[in-house]
């Protein structure tokens, strides 16, 4: 297996040609920054055409005010699990009291 991998690497050597990628002449970091600027312009245009509903905008503003917009995905997942657990407990306790 390792020998096949080494042969594949050797075979691919020289496959990348700078002349085939003029967009990277100034460096990949500059190219990626340019792509991100283009994306941001596109998103701004879309937001002008179809702004978010007032309810969604209110949620976003509340998240910014409370700092929830800064949560990592791990922190967000933990919060969602906690709220769902609490919700499930309330449901099961209501069922048990009927």
Foldseek 3Di string as FASTA:
>chain_A
DVVVVVVVVVVCVPVDDCVVPVLCVVHPVVSVVVVVVVVVVVVVVVCVVPPDDPVVVVVVVVCVVVVVVVDDPVRVVVVVVVVVVVVVVVVVVVVVVD
